[in-house]
Amino acid sequence: MSFIQNLENAFQENSNPENALAMAKYMRNYFSFYGMKTDQRRLVFKSIWSENRIEVSAHSREIALQLFLKPERELHYCGLEILIKQLKRNYRIEDIQLIEKLLITNSWWDSVDTISKNILGQYLLEHPQEIEKVIERFSNSDNMWLNRSAILFQLGFKQKTNFDLLKSECEKHKNSNEFFIQKAIGWALREYAKTNPQAVKNYVANTNLKNLSQKEALKNIL
């Protein structure tokens, strides 16, 4: 696909080896980087996308997955941004297969959190009949990142948040020793506390959460 090749060429032309080393180090050297700052990356990406708009629109899912399988982290971000924009209000039932693939591929907190909130969450808003089945499967998985996504997918739901479901996920994983799970529980509760602080306060007071989860959940509640 010419879009991907054009994007790779443009990113290579704008690469910064010094920044790339620092970025890779920050991400524990799990990924390679071109070394482009976020604003620059988005500017170049927007330009290449505009030049290839028809191709991207026609093949958004395939392009996003191909980008996500590349070694450079900036290309992963671009793949996610394409899906967020192109699929909103256009998710198909079978897109959950792509979403799961992205969650378990090149997994780290930055991609998983973006997918959980902006892709998985939006998908389930559009297909609420799938919530119980998907979240049960992700929550019961041996993959920690799928567990995290089941906890976080309601970020930003506000009044639409199913607090009983959120509490159920917190209960299921509250004894986990995984930092990213403890943190997710706290973050999800803290986010819902913006809508219903007393409910979160009461829940935390009556639930034996790990210290990190409890601290994160109550961070902004007076």
C-alpha atoms as a PDB file:
ATOM      1  CA  MET A   1       0.000   0.000   0.000  1.00  0.00           C
ATOM      2  CA  SER A   2       1.430   3.338  -1.042  1.00  0.00           C
ATOM      3  CA  PHE A   3       0.136   5.135   2.052  1.00  0.00           C
ATOM      4  CA  ILE A   4       2.249   3.027   4.404  1.00  0.00           C
ATOM      5  CA  GLN A   5       5.360   3.342   2.254  1.00  0.00           C
ATOM      6  CA  ASN A   6       4.879   7.096   1.945  1.00  0.00           C
ATOM      7  CA  LEU A   7       4.386   7.400   5.677  1.00  0.00           C
ATOM      8  CA  GLU A   8       7.491   5.376   6.469  1.00  0.00           C
ATOM      9  CA  ASN A   9       9.540   7.457   4.038  1.00  0.00           C
ATOM     10  CA  ALA A  10       8.282  10.714   5.537  1.00  0.00           C
ATOM     11  CA  PHE A  11       8.958   9.551   9.093  1.00  0.00           C
ATOM     12  CA  GLN A  12      12.440   8.404   8.143  1.00  0.00           C
ATOM     13  CA  GLU A  13      13.167  11.802   6.614  1.00  0.00           C
ATOM     14  CA  ASN A  14      12.089  13.462   9.857  1.00  0.00           C
ATOM     15  CA  SER A  15      13.782  11.001  12.201  1.00  0.00           C
ATOM     16  CA  ASN A  16      15.974  12.138  15.078  1.00  0.00           C
ATOM     17  CA  PRO A  17      18.366   9.420  16.310  1.00  0.00           C
ATOM     18  CA  GLU A  18      19.081  11.203  19.586  1.00  0.00           C
ATOM     19  CA  ASN A  19      15.398  11.538  20.425  1.00  0.00           C
ATOM     20  CA  ALA A  20      14.827   7.966  19.285  1.00  0.00           C
ATOM     21  CA  LEU A  21      17.291   6.607  21.824  1.00  0.00           C
ATOM     22  CA  ALA A  22      15.709   8.598  24.643  1.00  0.00           C
ATOM     23  CA  MET A  23      12.204   7.516  23.651  1.00  0.00           C
ATOM     24  CA  ALA A  24      13.209   3.867  23.430  1.00  0.00           C
ATOM     25  CA  LYS A  25      14.833   4.069  26.848  1.00  0.00           C
ATOM     26  CA  TYR A  26      11.675   5.599  28.348  1.00  0.00           C
ATOM     27  CA  MET A  27       9.719   2.647  26.954  1.00  0.00           C
ATOM     28  CA  ARG A  28      12.239   0.177  28.409  1.00  0.00           C
ATOM     29  CA  ASN A  29      13.614  -0.509  24.922  1.00  0.00           C
ATOM     30  CA  TYR A  30      10.543  -2.549  24.012  1.00  0.00           C
ATOM     31  CA  PHE A  31      10.110  -0.578  20.776  1.00  0.00           C
ATOM     32  CA  SER A  32      12.087   1.253  18.116  1.00  0.00           C
ATOM     33  CA  PHE A  33      11.384   4.928  17.456  1.00  0.00           C
ATOM     34  CA  TYR A  34      11.979   7.420  14.684  1.00  0.00           C
ATOM     35  CA  GLY A  35      12.488  10.017  17.377  1.00  0.00           C
ATOM     36  CA  MET A  36       9.687  12.352  16.336  1.00  0.00           C
ATOM     37  CA  LYS A  37       7.947  14.488  18.938  1.00  0.00           C
ATOM     38  CA  THR A  38       4.162  14.104  19.085  1.00  0.00           C
ATOM     39  CA  ASP A  39       3.290  17.417  17.383  1.00  0.00           C
ATOM     40  CA  GLN A  40       5.734  16.797  14.548  1.00  0.00           C
ATOM     41  CA  ARG A  41       4.577  13.223  14.094  1.00  0.00           C
ATOM     42  CA  ARG A  42       0.946  14.253  13.885  1.00  0.00           C
ATOM     43  CA  LEU A  43       1.724  17.061  11.424  1.00  0.00           C
ATOM     44  CA  VAL A  44       3.597  14.741   9.055  1.00  0.00           C
ATOM     45  CA  PHE A  45       1.006  11.996   9.526  1.00  0.00           C
ATOM     46  CA  LYS A  46      -1.857  14.370   8.738  1.00  0.00           C
ATOM     47  CA  SER A  47      -0.148  15.467   5.536  1.00  0.00           C
ATOM     48  CA  ILE A  48       0.480  11.931   4.269  1.00  0.00           C
ATOM     49  CA  TRP A  49      -3.030  10.864   5.272  1.00  0.00           C
ATOM     50  CA  SER A  50      -4.533  13.776   3.364  1.00  0.00           C
ATOM     51  CA  GLU A  51      -2.592  12.791   0.246  1.00  0.00           C
ATOM     52  CA  ASN A  52      -3.845   9.193   0.525  1.00  0.00           C
ATOM     53  CA  ARG A  53      -7.307   9.767   1.944  1.00  0.00           C
ATOM     54  CA  ILE A  54      -9.152   7.470  -0.476  1.00  0.00           C
ATOM     55  CA  GLU A  55      -6.820   4.534   0.192  1.00  0.00           C
ATOM     56  CA  VAL A  56      -6.951   4.976   3.955  1.00  0.00           C
ATOM     57  CA  SER A  57     -10.732   5.242   3.965  1.00  0.00           C
ATOM     58  CA  ALA A  58     -11.136   2.109   1.846  1.00  0.00           C
ATOM     59  CA  HIS A  59      -8.639  -0.021   3.776  1.00  0.00           C
ATOM     60  CA  SER A  60      -8.511   1.502   7.257  1.00  0.00           C
ATOM     61  CA  ARG A  61      -8.604  -1.792   9.160  1.00  0.00           C
ATOM     62  CA  GLU A  62      -5.932  -3.483   7.065  1.00  0.00           C
ATOM     63  CA  ILE A  63      -3.689  -0.417   7.114  1.00  0.00           C
ATOM     64  CA  ALA A  64      -4.004   0.004  10.874  1.00  0.00           C
ATOM     65  CA  LEU A  65      -3.065  -3.617  11.526  1.00  0.00           C
ATOM     66  CA  GLN A  66      -0.107  -3.471   9.136  1.00  0.00           C
ATOM     67  CA  LEU A  67       1.140  -0.328  10.851  1.00  0.00           C
ATOM     68  CA  PHE A  68       0.766  -1.986  14.242  1.00  0.00           C
ATOM     69  CA  LEU A  69       2.969  -4.875  13.164  1.00  0.00           C
ATOM     70  CA  LYS A  70       5.837  -2.534  12.213  1.00  0.00           C
ATOM     71  CA  PRO A  71       8.746  -2.145  14.662  1.00  0.00           C
ATOM     72  CA  GLU A  72       8.518   1.645  15.124  1.00  0.00           C
ATOM     73  CA  ARG A  73       6.195   2.844  17.864  1.00  0.00           C
ATOM     74  CA  GLU A  74       5.165   6.006  16.017  1.00  0.00           C
ATOM     75  CA  LEU A  75       3.592   3.831  13.314  1.00  0.00           C
ATOM     76  CA  HIS A  76       1.576   2.004  15.970  1.00  0.00           C
ATOM     77  CA  TYR A  77       0.187   5.327  17.162  1.00  0.00           C
ATOM     78  CA  CYS A  78      -0.784   6.231  13.605  1.00  0.00           C
ATOM     79  CA  GLY A  79      -2.609   2.939  13.156  1.00  0.00           C
ATOM     80  CA  LEU A  80      -4.668   3.594  16.268  1.00  0.00           C
ATOM     81  CA  GLU A  81      -5.457   7.157  15.239  1.00  0.00           C
ATOM     82  CA  ILE A  82      -6.742   5.913  11.884  1.00  0.00           C
ATOM     83  CA  LEU A  83      -9.121   3.468  13.575  1.00  0.00           C
ATOM     84  CA  ILE A  84     -10.328   6.020  16.123  1.00  0.00           C
ATOM     85  CA  LYS A  85     -11.278   8.433  13.349  1.00  0.00           C
ATOM     86  CA  GLN A  86     -12.410   6.066  10.614  1.00  0.00           C
ATOM     87  CA  LEU A  87     -14.421   3.516  12.588  1.00  0.00           C
ATOM     88  CA  LYS A  88     -16.331   5.740  14.998  1.00  0.00           C
ATOM     89  CA  ARG A  89     -20.036   5.028  14.476  1.00  0.00           C
ATOM     90  CA  ASN A  90     -19.021   2.444  11.879  1.00  0.00           C
ATOM     91  CA  TYR A  91     -17.888  -0.522  13.981  1.00  0.00           C
ATOM     92  CA  ARG A  92     -18.894  -3.977  12.804  1.00  0.00           C
ATOM     93  CA  ILE A  93     -19.587  -6.822  15.217  1.00  0.00           C
ATOM     94  CA  GLU A  94     -16.555  -8.705  13.937  1.00  0.00           C
ATOM     95  CA  ASP A  95     -14.234  -5.766  14.651  1.00  0.00           C
ATOM     96  CA  ILE A  96     -13.743  -7.179  18.138  1.00  0.00           C
ATOM     97  CA  GLN A  97     -11.316  -9.639  16.561  1.00  0.00           C
ATOM     98  CA  LEU A  98      -9.157  -6.771  15.304  1.00  0.00           C
ATOM     99  CA  ILE A  99      -9.436  -4.959  18.633  1.00  0.00           C
ATOM    100  CA  GLU A 100      -8.275  -8.018  20.563  1.00  0.00           C
ATOM    101  CA  LYS A 101      -5.394  -8.516  18.124  1.00  0.00           C
ATOM    102  CA  LEU A 102      -4.251  -4.941  18.724  1.00  0.00           C
ATOM    103  CA  LEU A 103      -4.539  -5.276  22.499  1.00  0.00           C
ATOM    104  CA  ILE A 104      -2.258  -8.327  22.597  1.00  0.00           C
ATOM    105  CA  THR A 105       0.207  -7.167  19.920  1.00  0.00           C
ATOM    106  CA  ASN A 106       3.146  -4.926  20.845  1.00  0.00           C
ATOM    107  CA  SER A 107       1.358  -4.419  24.150  1.00  0.00           C
ATOM    108  CA  TRP A 108       2.326  -1.688  26.592  1.00  0.00           C
ATOM    109  CA  TRP A 109       0.378   0.760  28.688  1.00  0.00           C
ATOM    110  CA  ASP A 110       0.302   3.541  26.082  1.00  0.00           C
ATOM    111  CA  SER A 111      -1.279   1.487  23.306  1.00  0.00           C
ATOM    112  CA  VAL A 112      -3.519  -0.608  25.568  1.00  0.00           C
ATOM    113  CA  ASP A 113      -4.941   2.467  27.293  1.00  0.00           C
ATOM    114  CA  THR A 114      -5.655   4.206  23.983  1.00  0.00           C
ATOM    115  CA  ILE A 115      -7.325   1.103  22.583  1.00  0.00           C
ATOM    116  CA  SER A 116      -9.312   0.449  25.771  1.00  0.00           C
ATOM    117  CA  LYS A 117     -10.778   3.924  26.013  1.00  0.00           C
ATOM    118  CA  ASN A 118     -11.080   5.065  22.415  1.00  0.00           C
ATOM    119  CA  ILE A 119     -11.559   1.871  20.425  1.00  0.00           C
ATOM    120  CA  LEU A 120     -12.859  -0.941  22.659  1.00  0.00           C
ATOM    121  CA  GLY A 121     -15.012   1.499  24.610  1.00  0.00           C
ATOM    122  CA  GLN A 122     -16.478   3.040  21.467  1.00  0.00           C
ATOM    123  CA  TYR A 123     -17.071  -0.393  19.931  1.00  0.00           C
ATOM    124  CA  LEU A 124     -19.037  -1.510  22.994  1.00  0.00           C
ATOM    125  CA  LEU A 125     -21.042   1.711  23.055  1.00  0.00           C
ATOM    126  CA  GLU A 126     -22.079   0.949  19.492  1.00  0.00           C
ATOM    127  CA  HIS A 127     -22.710  -2.736  20.216  1.00  0.00           C
ATOM    128  CA  PRO A 128     -23.872  -2.866  23.858  1.00  0.00           C
ATOM    129  CA  GLN A 129     -25.239  -6.368  23.401  1.00  0.00           C
ATOM    130  CA  GLU A 130     -21.616  -7.529  23.168  1.00  0.00           C
ATOM    131  CA  ILE A 131     -20.478  -6.033  26.494  1.00  0.00           C
ATOM    132  CA  GLU A 132     -21.171  -9.007  28.749  1.00  0.00           C
ATOM    133  CA  LYS A 133     -19.597 -11.551  26.406  1.00  0.00           C
ATOM    134  CA  VAL A 134     -16.514  -9.492  25.513  1.00  0.00           C
ATOM    135  CA  ILE A 135     -15.732  -8.219  28.987  1.00  0.00           C
ATOM    136  CA  GLU A 136     -16.168 -11.642  30.564  1.00  0.00           C
ATOM    137  CA  ARG A 137     -13.769 -13.147  28.041  1.00  0.00           C
ATOM    138  CA  PHE A 138     -11.187 -10.374  28.370  1.00  0.00           C
ATOM    139  CA  SER A 139     -11.485 -10.309  32.145  1.00  0.00           C
ATOM    140  CA  ASN A 140     -10.975 -14.065  32.459  1.00  0.00           C
ATOM    141  CA  SER A 141      -8.051 -14.146  30.049  1.00  0.00           C
ATOM    142  CA  ASP A 142      -4.524 -15.054  31.108  1.00  0.00           C
ATOM    143  CA  ASN A 143      -3.379 -11.958  29.229  1.00  0.00           C
ATOM    144  CA  MET A 144      -2.896  -9.119  31.694  1.00  0.00           C
ATOM    145  CA  TRP A 145      -3.470  -6.447  29.033  1.00  0.00           C
ATOM    146  CA  LEU A 146      -6.886  -7.866  28.175  1.00  0.00           C
ATOM    147  CA  ASN A 147      -7.681  -7.806  31.901  1.00  0.00           C
ATOM    148  CA  ARG A 148      -6.633  -4.154  32.027  1.00  0.00           C
ATOM    149  CA  SER A 149      -8.779  -3.291  29.023  1.00  0.00           C
ATOM    150  CA  ALA A 150     -11.833  -4.868  30.706  1.00  0.00           C
ATOM    151  CA  ILE A 151     -11.298  -2.574  33.684  1.00  0.00           C
ATOM    152  CA  LEU A 152     -10.630   0.576  31.670  1.00  0.00           C
ATOM    153  CA  PHE A 153     -13.021   0.417  28.715  1.00  0.00           C
ATOM    154  CA  GLN A 154     -15.614   2.655  30.429  1.00  0.00           C
ATOM    155  CA  LEU A 155     -13.204   5.568  30.842  1.00  0.00           C
ATOM    156  CA  GLY A 156     -15.073   8.660  29.722  1.00  0.00           C
ATOM    157  CA  PHE A 157     -18.509   6.987  29.844  1.00  0.00           C
ATOM    158  CA  LYS A 158     -19.570   9.327  32.670  1.00  0.00           C
ATOM    159  CA  GLN A 159     -23.316   8.810  33.349  1.00  0.00           C
ATOM    160  CA  LYS A 160     -23.333   5.851  30.944  1.00  0.00           C
ATOM    161  CA  THR A 161     -20.903   3.969  33.193  1.00  0.00           C
ATOM    162  CA  ASN A 162     -22.191   0.625  34.415  1.00  0.00           C
ATOM    163  CA  PHE A 163     -20.865   0.974  37.947  1.00  0.00           C
ATOM    164  CA  ASP A 164     -21.966  -2.526  38.928  1.00  0.00           C
ATOM    165  CA  LEU A 165     -19.856  -3.916  36.091  1.00  0.00           C
ATOM    166  CA  LEU A 166     -16.915  -1.729  37.068  1.00  0.00           C
ATOM    167  CA  LYS A 167     -17.169  -2.878  40.671  1.00  0.00           C
ATOM    168  CA  SER A 168     -17.350  -6.471  39.512  1.00  0.00           C
ATOM    169  CA  GLU A 169     -14.121  -6.048  37.540  1.00  0.00           C
ATOM    170  CA  CYS A 170     -12.435  -4.372  40.498  1.00  0.00           C
ATOM    171  CA  GLU A 171     -13.528  -7.199  42.785  1.00  0.00           C
ATOM    172  CA  LYS A 172     -12.278  -9.836  40.375  1.00  0.00           C
ATOM    173  CA  HIS A 173      -8.809  -8.327  40.089  1.00  0.00           C
ATOM    174  CA  LYS A 174      -8.355  -6.502  43.389  1.00  0.00           C
ATOM    175  CA  ASN A 175      -5.839  -9.034  44.723  1.00  0.00           C
ATOM    176  CA  SER A 176      -3.624  -8.911  41.660  1.00  0.00           C
ATOM    177  CA  ASN A 177       0.003  -8.058  42.308  1.00  0.00           C
ATOM    178  CA  GLU A 178       0.374  -6.642  38.798  1.00  0.00           C
ATOM    179  CA  PHE A 179       1.184  -2.933  38.955  1.00  0.00           C
ATOM    180  CA  PHE A 180      -0.772  -2.231  35.761  1.00  0.00           C
ATOM    181  CA  ILE A 181      -3.880  -3.938  37.137  1.00  0.00           C
ATOM    182  CA  GLN A 182      -3.746  -2.168  40.495  1.00  0.00           C
ATOM    183  CA  LYS A 183      -3.230   1.129  38.695  1.00  0.00           C
ATOM    184  CA  ALA A 184      -6.103   0.434  36.272  1.00  0.00           C
ATOM    185  CA  ILE A 185      -8.532  -0.229  39.114  1.00  0.00           C
ATOM    186  CA  GLY A 186      -7.627   3.055  40.752  1.00  0.00           C
ATOM    187  CA  TRP A 187      -7.770   4.994  37.502  1.00  0.00           C
ATOM    188  CA  ALA A 188     -11.169   3.597  36.492  1.00  0.00           C
ATOM    189  CA  LEU A 189     -12.636   4.417  39.891  1.00  0.00           C
ATOM    190  CA  ARG A 190     -11.057   7.874  39.923  1.00  0.00           C
ATOM    191  CA  GLU A 191     -12.557   8.592  36.511  1.00  0.00           C
ATOM    192  CA  TYR A 192     -16.042   7.548  37.624  1.00  0.00           C
ATOM    193  CA  ALA A 193     -15.617   9.628  40.769  1.00  0.00           C
ATOM    194  CA  LYS A 194     -15.823  12.711  38.532  1.00  0.00           C
ATOM    195  CA  THR A 195     -19.456  11.698  37.949  1.00  0.00           C
ATOM    196  CA  ASN A 196     -20.342  10.101  41.278  1.00  0.00           C
ATOM    197  CA  PRO A 197     -17.690  10.779  43.935  1.00  0.00           C
ATOM    198  CA  GLN A 198     -19.772   9.522  46.862  1.00  0.00           C
ATOM    199  CA  ALA A 199     -20.400   6.161  45.215  1.00  0.00           C
ATOM    200  CA  VAL A 200     -16.674   5.660  44.672  1.00  0.00           C
ATOM    201  CA  LYS A 201     -15.847   6.847  48.168  1.00  0.00           C
ATOM    202  CA  ASN A 202     -18.329   4.393  49.670  1.00  0.00           C
ATOM    203  CA  TYR A 203     -17.094   1.548  47.502  1.00  0.00           C
ATOM    204  CA  VAL A 204     -13.443   2.092  48.388  1.00  0.00           C
ATOM    205  CA  ALA A 205     -14.308   2.358  52.090  1.00  0.00           C
ATOM    206  CA  ASN A 206     -16.051  -1.007  52.004  1.00  0.00           C
ATOM    207  CA  THR A 207     -13.675  -2.875  49.718  1.00  0.00           C
ATOM    208  CA  ASN A 208     -10.270  -4.261  50.568  1.00  0.00           C
ATOM    209  CA  LEU A 209      -8.385  -2.805  47.611  1.00  0.00           C
ATOM    210  CA  LYS A 210      -4.623  -2.778  47.266  1.00  0.00           C
ATOM    211  CA  ASN A 211      -3.036   0.423  48.575  1.00  0.00           C
ATOM    212  CA  LEU A 212      -2.108   1.654  45.100  1.00  0.00           C
ATOM    213  CA  SER A 213      -5.650   1.128  43.787  1.00  0.00           C
ATOM    214  CA  GLN A 214      -7.143   2.859  46.803  1.00  0.00           C
ATOM    215  CA  LYS A 215      -4.756   5.798  46.585  1.00  0.00           C
ATOM    216  CA  GLU A 216      -5.405   6.296  42.877  1.00  0.00           C
ATOM    217  CA  ALA A 217      -9.185   5.999  43.277  1.00  0.00           C
ATOM    218  CA  LEU A 218      -9.405   8.664  45.989  1.00  0.00           C
ATOM    219  CA  LYS A 219      -6.765  11.007  44.598  1.00  0.00           C
ATOM    220  CA  ASN A 220      -9.200  13.783  43.601  1.00  0.00           C
ATOM    221  CA  ILE A 221     -11.944  13.202  46.171  1.00  0.00           C
ATOM    222  CA  LEU A 222     -11.969  15.662  49.056  1.00  0.00           C
END
